[in-house]
């Protein structure tokens, strides 16, 4: 069972790495062929964005390895919820705009105990999946709200639907 899970993980990782690499390759080919002589900045921005995405994937893979070996740690501190959620929005803003998404961002003024790096990572994964599984309406919402005494809930929602098979992933 562990070997089967490892094979699925490696296949998923290969797929996740392949997508940004193919985007970078195609945009580099366009730059080299002179297609973008008039406005190359947009091409460079896409390449830069995909390199950042690849860097994140590599870092997440390293963290997964550390988690499995027992060398993973958390760093909990006191944070403004906005200070945790806004970097995620900034990271995805261009990609959301370029792909025609309508994005709503509503976060309460709250202070939380959290490992900001891990929460940013989780929210980034949720936003990435929300984009991937959105329907033609292309709507995504990131919301942070105080949902009870001492309870803060952060959610990412989209206009799409996941089948039960996709939910298991």
N, C-alpha and C. Protein backbone atom coordinates (compact mmCIF):
# COMPACT_ATOMS: atom_id res chain seq x y z
N UNK A 1 0.83 -1.19 0.00
CA UNK A 1 0.00 0.00 0.00
C UNK A 1 0.87 1.26 0.00
N UNK A 2 1.94 1.25 0.83
CA UNK A 2 2.85 2.40 0.85
C UNK A 2 3.53 2.60 -0.50
N UNK A 3 3.92 1.49 -1.12
CA UNK A 3 4.57 1.59 -2.43
C UNK A 3 3.61 2.15 -3.47
N UNK A 4 2.37 1.72 -3.41
CA UNK A 4 1.36 2.22 -4.34
C UNK A 4 1.13 3.72 -4.13
N UNK A 5 1.06 4.14 -2.88
CA UNK A 5 0.90 5.58 -2.59
C UNK A 5 2.09 6.37 -3.08
N UNK A 6 3.28 5.83 -2.91
CA UNK A 6 4.49 6.52 -3.36
C UNK A 6 4.49 6.66 -4.88
N UNK A 7 4.06 5.63 -5.59
CA UNK A 7 3.99 5.70 -7.05
C UNK A 7 2.98 6.76 -7.49
N UNK A 8 1.83 6.83 -6.82
CA UNK A 8 0.84 7.86 -7.15
C UNK A 8 1.39 9.24 -6.86
N UNK A 9 2.09 9.38 -5.73
CA UNK A 9 2.68 10.66 -5.37
C UNK A 9 3.69 11.10 -6.43
N UNK A 10 4.56 10.20 -6.84
CA UNK A 10 5.57 10.53 -7.84
C UNK A 10 4.91 10.89 -9.17
N UNK A 11 3.86 10.18 -9.54
CA UNK A 11 3.15 10.50 -10.79
C UNK A 11 2.50 11.88 -10.69
N UNK A 12 1.90 12.19 -9.53
CA UNK A 12 1.30 13.50 -9.33
C UNK A 12 2.35 14.61 -9.37
N UNK A 13 3.49 14.36 -8.72
CA UNK A 13 4.57 15.35 -8.73
C UNK A 13 5.08 15.60 -10.15
N UNK A 14 5.27 14.51 -10.88
CA UNK A 14 5.75 14.66 -12.27
C UNK A 14 4.77 15.50 -13.08
N UNK A 15 3.48 15.25 -12.89
CA UNK A 15 2.47 16.03 -13.61
C UNK A 15 2.51 17.50 -13.19
N UNK A 16 2.63 17.75 -11.89
CA UNK A 16 2.66 19.13 -11.39
C UNK A 16 3.89 19.88 -11.90
N UNK A 17 5.03 19.21 -12.03
CA UNK A 17 6.24 19.86 -12.52
C UNK A 17 6.17 20.07 -14.04
N UNK A 18 5.53 19.16 -14.73
CA UNK A 18 5.49 19.21 -16.19
C UNK A 18 4.73 20.43 -16.72
N UNK A 19 3.64 20.78 -16.07
CA UNK A 19 2.83 21.89 -16.56
C UNK A 19 3.59 23.20 -16.61
N UNK A 20 4.18 23.67 -15.49
CA UNK A 20 4.91 24.95 -15.60
C UNK A 20 6.12 24.85 -16.53
N UNK A 21 6.78 23.70 -16.58
CA UNK A 21 7.92 23.55 -17.49
C UNK A 21 7.49 23.69 -18.95
N UNK A 22 6.34 23.11 -19.30
CA UNK A 22 5.89 23.23 -20.69
C UNK A 22 5.47 24.67 -21.01
N UNK A 23 4.89 25.37 -20.04
CA UNK A 23 4.52 26.77 -20.26
C UNK A 23 5.77 27.61 -20.46
N UNK A 24 6.78 27.41 -19.62
CA UNK A 24 8.04 28.15 -19.74
C UNK A 24 8.66 27.88 -21.11
N UNK A 25 8.69 26.62 -21.50
CA UNK A 25 9.29 26.24 -22.78
C UNK A 25 8.57 26.93 -23.94
N UNK A 26 7.24 26.90 -23.94
CA UNK A 26 6.50 27.50 -25.05
C UNK A 26 6.69 29.01 -25.10
N UNK A 27 6.73 29.68 -23.96
CA UNK A 27 6.93 31.13 -23.96
C UNK A 27 8.36 31.48 -24.36
N UNK A 28 9.33 30.67 -23.95
CA UNK A 28 10.72 30.91 -24.38
C UNK A 28 10.85 30.72 -25.90
N UNK A 29 10.20 29.68 -26.42
CA UNK A 29 10.22 29.45 -27.87
C UNK A 29 9.63 30.66 -28.61
N UNK A 30 8.53 31.20 -28.08
CA UNK A 30 7.91 32.37 -28.71
C UNK A 30 8.85 33.56 -28.68
N UNK A 31 9.53 33.76 -27.56
CA UNK A 31 10.49 34.87 -27.46
C UNK A 31 11.63 34.69 -28.44
N UNK A 32 12.16 33.46 -28.53
CA UNK A 32 13.29 33.20 -29.41
C UNK A 32 12.92 33.31 -30.89
N UNK A 33 11.67 32.99 -31.23
CA UNK A 33 11.26 33.04 -32.63
C UNK A 33 10.87 34.45 -33.06
N UNK A 34 10.83 35.39 -32.11
CA UNK A 34 10.52 36.77 -32.45
C UNK A 34 9.05 37.09 -32.48
N UNK A 35 8.20 36.17 -32.07
CA UNK A 35 6.75 36.39 -32.07
C UNK A 35 6.38 37.57 -31.18
N UNK A 36 7.13 37.76 -30.13
CA UNK A 36 6.75 38.76 -29.13
C UNK A 36 7.62 40.02 -29.16
N UNK A 37 8.16 40.38 -30.29
CA UNK A 37 9.07 41.52 -30.36
C UNK A 37 8.42 42.82 -29.92
N UNK A 38 7.13 42.95 -30.13
CA UNK A 38 6.44 44.20 -29.78
C UNK A 38 6.27 44.38 -28.28
N UNK A 39 5.91 43.30 -27.55
CA UNK A 39 5.62 43.41 -26.12
C UNK A 39 6.11 42.17 -25.38
N UNK A 40 7.42 42.02 -25.23
CA UNK A 40 7.94 40.81 -24.58
C UNK A 40 7.71 40.78 -23.06
N UNK A 41 7.35 41.93 -22.47
CA UNK A 41 7.20 41.99 -21.01
C UNK A 41 6.17 40.99 -20.50
N UNK A 42 5.08 40.85 -21.22
CA UNK A 42 4.04 39.89 -20.82
C UNK A 42 4.55 38.47 -20.83
N UNK A 43 5.38 38.15 -21.81
CA UNK A 43 5.95 36.81 -21.89
C UNK A 43 6.89 36.57 -20.72
N UNK A 44 7.72 37.57 -20.42
CA UNK A 44 8.65 37.44 -19.29
C UNK A 44 7.89 37.31 -17.97
N UNK A 45 6.78 38.00 -17.84
CA UNK A 45 5.98 37.92 -16.62
C UNK A 45 5.41 36.53 -16.42
N UNK A 46 4.93 35.92 -17.50
CA UNK A 46 4.40 34.55 -17.41
C UNK A 46 5.51 33.58 -17.05
N UNK A 47 6.66 33.72 -17.68
CA UNK A 47 7.80 32.85 -17.38
C UNK A 47 8.21 33.01 -15.93
N UNK A 48 8.29 34.25 -15.45
CA UNK A 48 8.66 34.51 -14.06
C UNK A 48 7.64 33.88 -13.11
N UNK A 49 6.37 34.00 -13.43
CA UNK A 49 5.32 33.43 -12.60
C UNK A 49 5.44 31.90 -12.53
N UNK A 50 5.72 31.27 -13.65
CA UNK A 50 5.84 29.82 -13.68
C UNK A 50 7.11 29.34 -12.96
N UNK A 51 8.18 30.12 -13.04
CA UNK A 51 9.39 29.78 -12.28
C UNK A 51 9.10 29.86 -10.79
N UNK A 52 8.35 30.87 -10.36
CA UNK A 52 7.95 30.97 -8.95
C UNK A 52 7.12 29.76 -8.55
N UNK A 53 6.22 29.36 -9.44
CA UNK A 53 5.38 28.18 -9.18
C UNK A 53 6.24 26.94 -9.02
N UNK A 54 7.22 26.76 -9.91
CA UNK A 54 8.13 25.61 -9.81
C UNK A 54 8.93 25.64 -8.51
N UNK A 55 9.39 26.82 -8.13
CA UNK A 55 10.13 26.96 -6.87
C UNK A 55 9.26 26.54 -5.69
N UNK A 56 8.01 26.96 -5.71
CA UNK A 56 7.08 26.56 -4.65
C UNK A 56 6.90 25.04 -4.62
N UNK A 57 6.78 24.43 -5.80
CA UNK A 57 6.63 22.98 -5.87
C UNK A 57 7.85 22.26 -5.31
N UNK A 58 9.03 22.73 -5.65
CA UNK A 58 10.26 22.13 -5.12
C UNK A 58 10.29 22.27 -3.61
N UNK A 59 9.98 23.45 -3.10
CA UNK A 59 9.98 23.67 -1.65
C UNK A 59 8.95 22.79 -0.94
N UNK A 60 7.78 22.63 -1.54
CA UNK A 60 6.77 21.76 -0.96
C UNK A 60 7.22 20.31 -0.96
N UNK A 61 7.92 19.89 -2.00
CA UNK A 61 8.44 18.52 -2.07
C UNK A 61 9.48 18.30 -0.98
N UNK A 62 10.34 19.28 -0.76
CA UNK A 62 11.34 19.19 0.31
C UNK A 62 10.65 19.12 1.66
N UNK A 63 9.63 19.94 1.86
CA UNK A 63 8.90 19.92 3.13
C UNK A 63 8.21 18.58 3.35
N UNK A 64 7.66 17.99 2.31
CA UNK A 64 7.03 16.69 2.43
C UNK A 64 8.05 15.65 2.86
N UNK A 65 9.23 15.71 2.27
CA UNK A 65 10.30 14.79 2.66
C UNK A 65 10.68 14.98 4.13
N UNK A 66 10.75 16.23 4.58
CA UNK A 66 11.06 16.51 5.98
C UNK A 66 9.96 15.99 6.90
N UNK A 67 8.72 16.14 6.48
CA UNK A 67 7.59 15.66 7.26
C UNK A 67 7.68 14.15 7.43
N UNK A 68 7.95 13.44 6.34
CA UNK A 68 8.03 11.99 6.40
C UNK A 68 9.21 11.50 7.23
N UNK A 69 10.29 12.27 7.28
CA UNK A 69 11.47 11.86 8.05
C UNK A 69 11.41 12.32 9.50
N UNK A 70 10.37 13.07 9.86
CA UNK A 70 10.22 13.53 11.24
C UNK A 70 10.99 14.80 11.54
N UNK A 71 11.53 15.46 10.52
CA UNK A 71 12.30 16.70 10.72
C UNK A 71 11.51 17.96 10.40
N UNK A 72 10.22 17.87 10.42
CA UNK A 72 9.34 18.99 10.07
C UNK A 72 8.98 19.74 11.33
N UNK A 73 8.97 21.04 11.25
CA UNK A 73 8.62 21.82 12.44
C UNK A 73 7.63 22.91 12.06
N UNK A 74 6.95 23.42 13.08
CA UNK A 74 6.04 24.53 12.87
C UNK A 74 6.52 25.70 13.73
N UNK A 75 6.13 26.88 13.32
CA UNK A 75 6.55 28.10 14.00
C UNK A 75 5.30 28.95 14.24
N UNK A 76 4.65 28.71 15.36
CA UNK A 76 3.40 29.40 15.65
C UNK A 76 3.68 30.75 16.28
N UNK A 77 2.98 31.75 15.78
CA UNK A 77 3.09 33.10 16.31
C UNK A 77 1.76 33.81 16.24
N UNK A 78 1.74 35.01 16.72
CA UNK A 78 0.54 35.84 16.70
C UNK A 78 0.55 36.66 15.42
N UNK A 79 -0.52 36.56 14.60
CA UNK A 79 -0.56 37.20 13.30
C UNK A 79 -1.90 37.86 13.05
N UNK A 80 -1.87 38.92 12.29
CA UNK A 80 -3.10 39.50 11.75
C UNK A 80 -3.56 38.57 10.63
N UNK A 81 -4.84 38.25 10.61
CA UNK A 81 -5.37 37.39 9.56
C UNK A 81 -5.12 37.99 8.18
N UNK A 82 -5.22 39.29 8.08
CA UNK A 82 -4.96 39.95 6.79
C UNK A 82 -3.50 39.78 6.37
N UNK A 83 -2.56 39.81 7.34
CA UNK A 83 -1.15 39.64 7.02
C UNK A 83 -0.84 38.23 6.51
N UNK A 84 -1.70 37.27 6.86
CA UNK A 84 -1.51 35.90 6.38
C UNK A 84 -2.17 35.71 5.03
N UNK A 85 -3.35 36.29 4.83
CA UNK A 85 -4.10 36.03 3.60
C UNK A 85 -3.69 36.92 2.43
N UNK A 86 -3.27 38.15 2.69
CA UNK A 86 -2.93 39.05 1.59
C UNK A 86 -1.76 38.58 0.74
N UNK A 87 -0.70 37.96 1.31
CA UNK A 87 0.37 37.45 0.43
C UNK A 87 -0.12 36.39 -0.56
N UNK A 88 -1.12 35.62 -0.14
CA UNK A 88 -1.68 34.61 -1.05
C UNK A 88 -2.38 35.32 -2.20
N UNK A 89 -3.15 36.34 -1.88
CA UNK A 89 -3.85 37.11 -2.91
C UNK A 89 -2.84 37.74 -3.86
N UNK A 90 -1.78 38.33 -3.33
CA UNK A 90 -0.77 38.96 -4.17
C UNK A 90 -0.10 37.95 -5.09
N UNK A 91 0.15 36.77 -4.57
CA UNK A 91 0.80 35.73 -5.36
C UNK A 91 -0.07 35.28 -6.53
N UNK A 92 -1.38 35.24 -6.32
CA UNK A 92 -2.29 34.72 -7.34
C UNK A 92 -2.97 35.80 -8.17
N UNK A 93 -2.83 37.06 -7.81
CA UNK A 93 -3.59 38.14 -8.46
C UNK A 93 -3.40 38.15 -9.97
N UNK A 94 -2.18 38.11 -10.44
CA UNK A 94 -1.92 38.18 -11.89
C UNK A 94 -2.50 36.97 -12.60
N UNK A 95 -2.29 35.80 -12.04
CA UNK A 95 -2.79 34.57 -12.65
C UNK A 95 -4.32 34.58 -12.71
N UNK A 96 -4.97 35.04 -11.63
CA UNK A 96 -6.43 35.13 -11.61
C UNK A 96 -6.93 36.09 -12.69
N UNK A 97 -6.27 37.24 -12.78
CA UNK A 97 -6.66 38.24 -13.79
C UNK A 97 -6.44 37.72 -15.20
N UNK A 98 -5.26 37.15 -15.45
CA UNK A 98 -4.92 36.66 -16.78
C UNK A 98 -5.87 35.56 -17.26
N UNK A 99 -6.39 34.77 -16.31
CA UNK A 99 -7.26 33.67 -16.68
C UNK A 99 -8.74 34.03 -16.57
N UNK A 100 -9.04 35.32 -16.36
CA UNK A 100 -10.42 35.79 -16.41
C UNK A 100 -11.28 35.45 -15.21
N UNK A 101 -10.68 35.30 -14.06
CA UNK A 101 -11.45 34.99 -12.86
C UNK A 101 -12.00 36.26 -12.22
N UNK A 102 -13.17 36.14 -11.63
CA UNK A 102 -13.71 37.16 -10.74
C UNK A 102 -13.34 36.70 -9.34
N UNK A 103 -12.63 37.54 -8.61
CA UNK A 103 -12.11 37.13 -7.31
C UNK A 103 -12.63 38.06 -6.23
N UNK A 104 -13.18 37.47 -5.17
CA UNK A 104 -13.66 38.23 -4.03
C UNK A 104 -12.78 37.89 -2.83
N UNK A 105 -12.36 38.93 -2.12
CA UNK A 105 -11.47 38.76 -0.97
C UNK A 105 -12.10 39.51 0.21
N UNK A 106 -12.59 38.76 1.19
CA UNK A 106 -13.19 39.36 2.38
C UNK A 106 -12.61 38.71 3.61
N UNK A 107 -11.84 39.49 4.36
CA UNK A 107 -11.19 38.94 5.54
C UNK A 107 -11.44 39.88 6.72
N UNK A 108 -11.90 39.29 7.81
CA UNK A 108 -12.19 40.05 9.02
C UNK A 108 -10.89 40.55 9.65
N UNK A 109 -11.02 41.60 10.42
CA UNK A 109 -9.88 42.13 11.17
C UNK A 109 -9.74 41.29 12.44
N UNK A 110 -8.92 40.24 12.35
CA UNK A 110 -8.76 39.31 13.47
C UNK A 110 -7.29 39.00 13.67
N UNK A 111 -6.95 38.61 14.88
CA UNK A 111 -5.60 38.18 15.20
C UNK A 111 -5.66 36.70 15.55
N UNK A 112 -4.73 35.93 14.98
CA UNK A 112 -4.75 34.48 15.18
C UNK A 112 -3.37 33.96 15.58
N UNK A 113 -3.39 32.81 16.27
CA UNK A 113 -2.16 32.07 16.51
C UNK A 113 -2.03 31.08 15.36
N UNK A 114 -0.93 31.15 14.63
CA UNK A 114 -0.79 30.28 13.46
C UNK A 114 0.67 30.21 13.03
N UNK A 115 0.98 29.23 12.24
CA UNK A 115 2.24 29.18 11.51
C UNK A 115 1.93 29.83 10.16
N UNK A 116 2.26 31.08 10.03
CA UNK A 116 1.85 31.84 8.84
C UNK A 116 2.35 31.19 7.56
N UNK A 117 3.55 30.68 7.56
CA UNK A 117 4.11 30.05 6.36
C UNK A 117 3.26 28.86 5.93
N UNK A 118 2.85 28.04 6.89
CA UNK A 118 2.04 26.85 6.56
C UNK A 118 0.64 27.25 6.10
N UNK A 119 0.04 28.25 6.74
CA UNK A 119 -1.30 28.68 6.35
C UNK A 119 -1.26 29.29 4.94
N UNK A 120 -0.24 30.08 4.65
CA UNK A 120 -0.08 30.63 3.30
C UNK A 120 0.06 29.50 2.28
N UNK A 121 0.80 28.47 2.63
CA UNK A 121 0.98 27.32 1.74
C UNK A 121 -0.35 26.61 1.50
N UNK A 122 -1.10 26.36 2.55
CA UNK A 122 -2.38 25.68 2.42
C UNK A 122 -3.35 26.51 1.59
N UNK A 123 -3.44 27.80 1.88
CA UNK A 123 -4.35 28.67 1.11
C UNK A 123 -3.94 28.73 -0.36
N UNK A 124 -2.64 28.74 -0.62
CA UNK A 124 -2.15 28.71 -2.00
C UNK A 124 -2.58 27.44 -2.71
N UNK A 125 -2.50 26.31 -2.01
CA UNK A 125 -2.95 25.05 -2.61
C UNK A 125 -4.46 25.08 -2.88
N UNK A 126 -5.22 25.62 -1.92
CA UNK A 126 -6.67 25.72 -2.10
C UNK A 126 -7.02 26.61 -3.29
N UNK A 127 -6.34 27.77 -3.40
CA UNK A 127 -6.62 28.67 -4.52
C UNK A 127 -6.24 28.04 -5.85
N UNK A 128 -5.12 27.37 -5.87
CA UNK A 128 -4.69 26.69 -7.09
C UNK A 128 -5.73 25.66 -7.53
N UNK A 129 -6.23 24.89 -6.58
CA UNK A 129 -7.26 23.89 -6.89
C UNK A 129 -8.58 24.55 -7.28
N UNK A 130 -8.91 25.66 -6.62
CA UNK A 130 -10.15 26.37 -6.97
C UNK A 130 -10.09 26.84 -8.42
N UNK A 131 -8.92 27.31 -8.86
CA UNK A 131 -8.77 27.73 -10.25
C UNK A 131 -8.87 26.53 -11.19
N UNK A 132 -8.22 25.47 -10.82
CA UNK A 132 -8.17 24.27 -11.66
C UNK A 132 -9.56 23.66 -11.85
N UNK A 133 -10.38 23.69 -10.81
CA UNK A 133 -11.68 23.02 -10.86
C UNK A 133 -12.85 23.98 -10.95
N UNK A 134 -12.60 25.20 -11.37
CA UNK A 134 -13.67 26.18 -11.53
C UNK A 134 -14.44 25.89 -12.82
N UNK A 135 -15.70 26.28 -12.82
CA UNK A 135 -16.48 26.12 -14.04
C UNK A 135 -16.36 27.36 -14.91
N UNK A 136 -17.19 27.46 -15.93
CA UNK A 136 -17.09 28.56 -16.89
C UNK A 136 -17.38 29.92 -16.28
N UNK A 137 -18.05 29.97 -15.12
CA UNK A 137 -18.31 31.27 -14.47
C UNK A 137 -17.04 31.87 -13.87
N UNK A 138 -16.04 31.03 -13.56
CA UNK A 138 -14.71 31.45 -13.11
C UNK A 138 -14.77 32.43 -11.93
N UNK A 139 -15.49 32.02 -10.89
CA UNK A 139 -15.60 32.84 -9.68
C UNK A 139 -14.91 32.14 -8.53
N UNK A 140 -14.10 32.91 -7.79
CA UNK A 140 -13.41 32.39 -6.62
C UNK A 140 -13.54 33.40 -5.49
N UNK A 141 -13.69 32.89 -4.27
CA UNK A 141 -13.80 33.75 -3.10
C UNK A 141 -12.88 33.22 -2.00
N UNK A 142 -12.11 34.12 -1.42
CA UNK A 142 -11.33 33.81 -0.23
C UNK A 142 -11.95 34.63 0.91
N UNK A 143 -12.37 33.93 1.95
CA UNK A 143 -13.07 34.61 3.03
C UNK A 143 -12.47 34.18 4.37
N UNK A 144 -12.28 35.14 5.26
CA UNK A 144 -11.85 34.88 6.62
C UNK A 144 -12.80 35.57 7.57
N UNK A 145 -13.41 34.80 8.45
CA UNK A 145 -14.42 35.40 9.31
C UNK A 145 -14.33 34.84 10.73
N UNK A 146 -14.77 35.65 11.65
CA UNK A 146 -14.86 35.22 13.04
C UNK A 146 -16.17 34.45 13.15
N UNK A 147 -16.06 33.15 13.44
CA UNK A 147 -17.26 32.31 13.40
C UNK A 147 -17.71 31.87 14.79
N UNK A 148 -17.11 32.41 15.81
CA UNK A 148 -17.50 32.06 17.18
C UNK A 148 -16.49 32.61 18.15
N UNK A 149 -16.73 32.42 19.40
CA UNK A 149 -15.82 32.89 20.45
C UNK A 149 -14.46 32.22 20.28
N UNK A 150 -13.47 33.01 19.87
CA UNK A 150 -12.12 32.48 19.70
C UNK A 150 -11.94 31.60 18.48
N UNK A 151 -12.88 31.63 17.55
CA UNK A 151 -12.80 30.78 16.36
C UNK A 151 -12.78 31.65 15.11
N UNK A 152 -11.77 31.42 14.28
CA UNK A 152 -11.67 32.11 13.00
C UNK A 152 -11.69 31.04 11.92
N UNK A 153 -12.52 31.24 10.92
CA UNK A 153 -12.63 30.30 9.81
C UNK A 153 -12.17 30.99 8.54
N UNK A 154 -11.29 30.32 7.81
CA UNK A 154 -10.83 30.82 6.51
C UNK A 154 -11.26 29.80 5.47
N UNK A 155 -11.85 30.29 4.38
CA UNK A 155 -12.33 29.37 3.35
C UNK A 155 -12.02 29.90 1.96
N UNK A 156 -11.92 28.97 1.04
CA UNK A 156 -11.77 29.28 -0.38
C UNK A 156 -12.90 28.54 -1.09
N UNK A 157 -13.67 29.28 -1.88
CA UNK A 157 -14.78 28.67 -2.61
C UNK A 157 -14.69 29.07 -4.08
N UNK A 158 -15.20 28.18 -4.93
CA UNK A 158 -15.23 28.50 -6.36
C UNK A 158 -16.60 28.17 -6.93
N UNK A 159 -16.78 28.50 -8.19
CA UNK A 159 -18.05 28.26 -8.85
C UNK A 159 -18.11 26.89 -9.51
N UNK A 160 -17.16 26.03 -9.23
CA UNK A 160 -17.11 24.71 -9.85
C UNK A 160 -17.61 23.62 -8.92
N UNK A 161 -17.46 22.39 -9.36
CA UNK A 161 -17.89 21.23 -8.60
C UNK A 161 -16.89 20.10 -8.82
N UNK A 162 -16.55 19.39 -7.72
CA UNK A 162 -15.66 18.25 -7.82
C UNK A 162 -16.46 16.96 -7.74
N UNK A 163 -16.14 16.00 -8.59
CA UNK A 163 -16.75 14.68 -8.49
C UNK A 163 -16.20 14.02 -7.23
N UNK A 164 -16.84 12.94 -6.79
CA UNK A 164 -16.38 12.24 -5.59
C UNK A 164 -14.96 11.70 -5.80
N UNK A 165 -14.65 11.24 -7.00
CA UNK A 165 -13.32 10.72 -7.29
C UNK A 165 -12.26 11.82 -7.15
N UNK A 166 -12.58 13.03 -7.62
CA UNK A 166 -11.65 14.15 -7.51
C UNK A 166 -11.51 14.60 -6.06
N UNK A 167 -12.58 14.51 -5.27
CA UNK A 167 -12.54 14.92 -3.87
C UNK A 167 -11.56 14.07 -3.08
N UNK A 168 -11.43 12.79 -3.41
CA UNK A 168 -10.51 11.91 -2.71
C UNK A 168 -9.06 12.35 -2.87
N UNK A 169 -8.76 13.05 -3.98
CA UNK A 169 -7.40 13.51 -4.21
C UNK A 169 -7.10 14.73 -3.38
